Protein backbone atom coordinates (compact mmCIF):
# COMPACT_ATOMS: atom_id res chain seq x y z
CA MET A 1 31.94 79.15 60.38
CA GLY A 2 33.59 82.25 59.01
CA ILE A 3 31.95 84.50 61.61
CA ALA A 4 32.90 82.24 64.53
CA THR A 5 36.53 81.85 63.49
CA GLY A 6 37.14 85.10 61.67
CA LEU A 7 38.20 83.21 58.55
CA SER A 8 35.75 83.05 55.68
CA ALA A 9 37.95 81.17 53.19
CA PRO A 10 37.40 77.39 53.67
CA ASN A 11 41.00 76.56 52.76
CA GLU A 12 42.25 78.79 55.64
CA ASN A 13 39.71 77.66 58.24
CA ARG A 14 41.00 74.93 60.59
CA ILE A 15 37.51 73.79 61.54
CA VAL A 16 36.44 73.34 57.93
CA GLN A 17 39.70 71.53 57.11
CA TYR A 18 39.20 69.25 60.12
CA LEU A 19 35.63 68.40 59.05
CA ILE A 20 36.77 67.69 55.50
CA GLY A 21 39.49 65.40 56.89
CA VAL A 22 37.00 63.57 59.12
CA ILE A 23 34.59 63.09 56.23
CA ALA A 24 37.40 61.79 54.01
CA THR A 25 38.60 59.40 56.72
CA VAL A 26 35.12 58.07 57.48
CA TYR A 27 34.39 57.60 53.78
CA THR A 28 37.69 55.81 53.18
CA THR A 29 37.33 53.45 56.13
CA THR A 30 33.63 52.68 55.77
CA CYS A 31 32.67 53.12 52.11
CA ALA A 32 35.76 52.37 50.04
CA ALA A 33 36.39 49.00 48.42
CA TRP A 34 39.25 48.03 50.75
CA LYS A 35 37.00 48.15 53.82
CA LYS A 36 36.29 44.48 53.26
CA PHE A 37 39.99 43.70 53.76
CA LEU A 38 41.08 46.30 56.31
CA GLY A 39 37.92 47.17 58.20
CA CYS A 40 36.88 45.66 61.46
CA GLU A 41 33.42 44.26 61.87
CA TYR A 42 31.40 45.52 64.81
CA GLU A 43 28.54 43.46 66.21
CA LEU A 44 26.20 45.11 68.70
CA ASP A 45 24.53 42.90 71.32
CA VAL A 46 21.96 45.10 73.06
CA VAL A 47 20.81 42.38 75.44
CA ASN A 48 24.28 41.72 76.89
CA LYS A 49 25.45 45.30 76.35
CA THR A 50 28.52 44.29 74.36
CA VAL A 51 30.12 45.27 71.08
CA GLY A 52 32.09 42.52 69.38
CA ILE A 53 35.04 43.67 67.28
CA SER A 54 36.53 41.23 64.78
CA ALA A 55 38.49 41.26 61.53
CA PRO A 56 37.95 37.80 60.05
CA SER A 57 38.86 38.65 56.45
CA THR A 58 42.19 40.21 57.43
CA LEU A 59 42.98 37.36 59.82
CA GLU A 60 42.15 34.76 57.19
CA ALA A 61 44.14 36.52 54.46
CA ILE A 62 47.35 36.89 56.47
CA ASN A 63 47.08 33.38 57.94
CA ASN A 64 46.63 31.91 54.46
CA GLU A 65 49.76 33.74 53.34
CA LEU A 66 51.81 32.71 56.39
CA LEU A 67 50.65 29.10 56.50
CA GLU A 68 50.75 28.27 52.80
CA GLY A 69 52.34 24.83 52.37
CA VAL A 70 52.93 24.40 56.12
CA VAL A 71 51.77 21.45 58.22
CA ILE A 72 49.17 22.84 60.65
CA ILE A 73 49.40 21.90 64.31
CA THR A 74 47.00 22.63 67.15
CA SER A 75 48.55 24.59 69.98
CA LYS A 76 47.07 25.31 73.40
CA HIS A 77 48.82 28.65 73.77
CA ILE A 78 49.48 31.58 71.47
CA TYR A 79 53.19 31.67 72.28
CA SER A 80 55.86 29.67 74.05
CA GLU A 81 59.35 30.05 75.49
CA ALA A 82 60.69 29.79 71.92
CA PHE A 83 59.53 33.40 71.34
CA PHE A 84 62.16 34.75 73.73
CA GLY A 85 65.80 35.32 72.82
CA ILE A 86 65.35 34.84 69.10
CA PRO A 87 68.56 35.68 67.22
CA GLN A 88 68.57 38.08 64.30
CA GLY A 89 68.64 36.72 60.78
CA THR A 90 71.82 36.57 58.74
CA VAL A 91 71.43 37.68 55.13
CA SER A 92 73.65 35.84 52.67
CA PRO A 93 76.11 37.88 50.62
CA VAL A 94 75.14 39.21 47.20
CA GLY A 95 75.40 36.48 44.59
CA ASP A 96 74.57 33.63 46.98
CA ASP A 97 71.73 31.40 45.75
CA SER A 98 69.91 31.48 49.12
CA ARG A 99 69.86 35.29 49.35
CA GLU A 100 66.65 35.87 47.37
CA SER A 101 64.64 33.24 49.24
CA PHE A 102 65.88 34.60 52.59
CA LEU A 103 64.90 38.17 51.63
CA ALA A 104 61.46 36.89 50.50
CA MET A 105 61.09 35.19 53.90
CA GLN A 106 61.97 38.44 55.67
CA THR A 107 59.34 40.29 53.61
CA LEU A 108 56.74 37.68 54.59
CA VAL A 109 57.64 38.00 58.28
CA ARG A 110 57.46 41.80 58.17
CA ARG A 111 54.12 41.67 56.37
CA GLY A 112 52.76 39.18 58.90
CA LEU A 113 53.96 41.18 61.90
CA GLY A 114 52.54 44.38 60.42
CA ALA A 115 49.18 42.69 59.93
CA TYR A 116 49.21 41.33 63.48
CA ILE A 117 50.06 44.78 64.86
CA TRP A 118 46.85 45.99 63.23
CA LEU A 119 44.90 42.85 64.21
CA GLY A 120 45.78 43.47 67.86
CA ARG A 121 42.98 46.03 67.84
CA ALA A 122 40.39 43.29 67.38
CA TYR A 123 42.32 40.38 68.91
CA PRO A 124 44.24 41.66 71.95
CA ILE A 125 45.51 38.16 72.74
CA ALA A 126 47.91 38.60 69.78
CA VAL A 127 49.45 41.85 71.06
CA ALA A 128 52.07 40.42 73.47
CA PRO A 129 53.53 37.77 71.13
CA THR A 130 53.50 40.24 68.23
CA ASN A 131 55.44 42.77 70.30
CA ILE A 132 57.98 40.11 71.27
CA LEU A 133 58.50 39.08 67.65
CA CYS A 134 58.76 42.70 66.48
CA ALA A 135 62.08 42.96 68.34
CA ASN A 136 63.64 41.39 65.23
CA MET A 137 61.40 42.98 62.62
CA HIS A 138 64.38 44.86 61.18
CA ASN A 139 66.25 41.60 60.49
CA PRO A 140 64.04 38.54 61.11
CA GLY A 141 65.40 35.02 60.83
CA MET A 142 63.84 31.61 60.34
CA GLN A 143 63.01 31.23 64.05
CA THR A 144 60.99 34.46 63.91
CA LEU A 145 59.03 33.04 60.97
CA ALA A 146 58.50 29.75 62.82
CA CYS A 147 57.15 31.58 65.89
CA LEU A 148 54.94 33.81 63.74
CA ARG A 149 53.49 30.72 62.07
CA TYR A 150 52.93 29.12 65.48
CA MET A 151 50.97 32.20 66.54
CA ALA A 152 49.02 32.20 63.24
CA MET A 153 48.04 28.55 63.75
CA PHE A 154 46.72 29.36 67.21
CA MET A 155 44.80 32.39 65.91
CA GLN A 156 43.35 30.41 63.03
CA ALA A 157 41.87 27.91 65.47
CA ASN A 158 41.09 30.12 68.47
CA ALA A 159 40.43 33.69 67.35
CA THR A 160 37.94 35.37 69.65
CA CYS A 161 36.96 38.97 69.29
CA VAL A 162 36.98 41.78 71.80
CA GLU A 163 33.67 42.38 73.55
CA PRO A 164 33.87 45.59 75.57
CA HIS A 165 30.91 46.33 77.79
CA TRP A 166 29.23 49.69 78.04
CA GLU A 167 27.10 51.28 80.71
CA THR A 168 23.92 53.26 80.08
CA SER A 169 22.70 56.17 82.10
CA ASP A 170 19.39 56.12 83.98
CA SER A 171 17.75 57.93 81.09
CA GLY A 172 18.54 54.99 78.79
CA VAL A 173 20.96 56.97 76.63
């Protein structure tokens, strides 16, 4: 590498630094302990020429957190007209008894929306409603939480993964 780039010191060589970064990223996302929580699962179907992408552990974890103690309903759609025009939340003044619970609710909503932003990679059906709800991510209210829970209930019952197709060349590669 030093001859090709003119830099023999690895810490000054962009190519070497890039390779080290790629190795570190691949190791972290495929070999580290948190892969079970954050990593997507890829399922190759050679017969149908599809790759299924899913993230069941992440979906289950965030849905369990969002739906804890909530009556579960079955919805036909991932979002409804209630998702549009949601007002911002109003935080109670310091010293008010309801302030802490409201701030905890806002943290839950932000965590749920953040998870669904990431889950959109494997479940594109969740992208549009997540984007709509993110309009109030800076100051979510109870209606934002209700809509997020509605979406989580749908995803819990109807999550289907992405199955992109690929084409092979005549040589079979």
